[in-house]
Amino acid sequence: MSKTHYPVDAALVMLELSRADRQLARVIRRIGSFPTKKRKPQHPFASLLQAIVYQQIAGKAAEAIFGRVKALGANGFPTPEEILRASKAKLRRAGLSRQKIAAV
């Protein structure tokens, strides 16, 4: 997986959101920008895979399933190609539902 980083400029995000939606602009002016915290940068595929796994599942269960899905990768995290090569049965054993397999 690439080490490319995608930094987020919160001020730019707030400006773009404000330009796109007048009501949201009023809320942003009243409340302010969203809080940011430094997080380890993550590849977009990793973010997408994590979002799919965690969707509509309690945190601890999702964490366990995501750990098993990550273990499917040769280097500790599966590449898109490794996910595509994995059998549906293997993905099901990791804990993914049929719908999540289709989404991934």
Protein backbone atom coordinates (compact mmCIF):
# COMPACT_ATOMS: atom_id res chain seq x y z
CA MET A 1 0.00 0.00 0.00
CA SER A 2 1.35 3.42 -0.94
CA LYS A 3 2.66 5.76 1.74
CA THR A 4 1.02 8.75 0.03
CA HIS A 5 -0.49 11.16 2.54
CA TYR A 6 -3.66 13.14 1.97
CA PRO A 7 -3.59 16.02 4.46
CA VAL A 8 -6.83 17.83 5.20
CA ASP A 9 -6.90 21.63 5.37
CA ALA A 10 -9.82 22.25 7.74
CA ALA A 11 -10.05 25.94 6.85
CA LEU A 12 -10.28 25.13 3.15
CA VAL A 13 -12.91 22.46 3.82
CA MET A 14 -15.02 24.94 5.83
CA LEU A 15 -14.68 27.55 3.06
CA GLU A 16 -15.79 25.09 0.37
CA LEU A 17 -18.71 23.86 2.47
CA SER A 18 -19.78 27.42 3.19
CA ARG A 19 -19.69 28.27 -0.50
CA ALA A 20 -21.73 25.19 -1.36
CA ASP A 21 -24.51 25.64 1.19
CA ARG A 22 -25.80 28.92 2.67
CA GLN A 23 -27.50 27.25 5.64
CA LEU A 24 -24.36 25.30 6.45
CA ALA A 25 -22.34 28.54 6.11
CA ARG A 26 -24.49 30.12 8.85
CA VAL A 27 -23.93 27.10 11.10
CA ILE A 28 -20.19 27.19 10.46
CA ARG A 29 -20.06 30.93 11.28
CA ARG A 30 -22.02 30.34 14.50
CA ILE A 31 -20.30 27.16 15.70
CA GLY A 32 -16.91 27.29 14.03
CA SER A 33 -14.75 24.77 12.23
CA PHE A 34 -14.81 21.07 13.02
CA PRO A 35 -12.18 19.95 15.51
CA THR A 36 -9.20 18.24 14.00
CA LYS A 37 -6.87 15.83 15.63
CA LYS A 38 -3.73 14.37 14.22
CA ARG A 39 -4.30 10.86 13.03
CA LYS A 40 -2.00 8.52 11.27
CA PRO A 41 -2.52 9.13 7.54
CA GLN A 42 -4.32 6.26 5.88
CA HIS A 43 -4.50 5.20 2.24
CA PRO A 44 -7.94 5.87 0.70
CA PHE A 45 -8.55 2.12 0.12
CA ALA A 46 -7.80 1.41 3.79
CA SER A 47 -10.27 4.12 4.83
CA LEU A 48 -12.94 2.73 2.52
CA LEU A 49 -12.42 -0.86 3.67
CA GLN A 50 -12.58 0.20 7.33
CA ALA A 51 -15.76 2.23 6.73
CA ILE A 52 -17.45 -0.74 5.06
CA VAL A 53 -16.45 -3.18 7.81
CA TYR A 54 -17.55 -0.85 10.63
CA GLN A 55 -20.88 0.10 9.03
CA GLN A 56 -23.86 -0.85 11.22
CA ILE A 57 -21.80 -2.96 13.65
CA ALA A 58 -20.94 -2.28 17.28
CA GLY A 59 -17.38 -1.03 17.77
CA LYS A 60 -15.85 -4.11 19.43
CA ALA A 61 -17.36 -6.53 16.92
CA ALA A 62 -16.28 -4.34 14.00
CA GLU A 63 -12.78 -4.05 15.46
CA ALA A 64 -12.49 -7.85 15.68
CA ILE A 65 -13.77 -8.36 12.13
CA PHE A 66 -11.52 -5.61 10.78
CA GLY A 67 -8.55 -7.28 12.47
CA ARG A 68 -9.35 -10.56 10.68
CA VAL A 69 -9.80 -8.75 7.36
CA LYS A 70 -6.47 -6.96 7.78
CA ALA A 71 -4.81 -10.33 8.45
CA LEU A 72 -5.84 -11.45 4.95
CA GLY A 73 -3.10 -9.24 3.51
CA ALA A 74 0.42 -10.54 2.99
CA ASN A 75 1.85 -7.37 4.59
CA GLY A 76 -0.66 -6.94 7.40
CA PHE A 77 -3.27 -5.17 5.28
CA PRO A 78 -4.86 -6.52 2.12
CA THR A 79 -4.36 -4.73 -1.15
CA PRO A 80 -7.38 -4.32 -3.44
CA GLU A 81 -5.96 -7.18 -5.52
CA GLU A 82 -5.71 -9.48 -2.49
CA ILE A 83 -9.33 -8.74 -1.63
CA LEU A 84 -10.37 -9.52 -5.21
CA ARG A 85 -8.43 -12.81 -5.16
CA ALA A 86 -9.84 -13.89 -1.79
CA SER A 87 -12.71 -16.33 -2.03
CA LYS A 88 -16.11 -15.30 -0.76
CA ALA A 89 -15.86 -18.13 1.77
CA LYS A 90 -12.59 -16.73 3.11
CA LEU A 91 -14.09 -13.24 3.41
CA ARG A 92 -17.16 -14.71 5.15
CA ARG A 93 -14.89 -16.55 7.62
CA ALA A 94 -13.24 -13.21 8.38
CA GLY A 95 -16.69 -11.97 9.37
CA LEU A 96 -17.88 -9.99 6.36
CA SER A 97 -21.55 -10.28 5.39
CA ARG A 98 -22.52 -10.97 1.80
CA GLN A 99 -23.51 -7.32 1.42
CA LYS A 100 -20.16 -6.11 2.72
CA ILE A 101 -18.31 -8.50 0.43
CA ALA A 102 -20.25 -7.04 -2.50
CA ALA A 103 -19.43 -3.51 -1.35
CA VAL A 104 -15.74 -4.25 -0.90
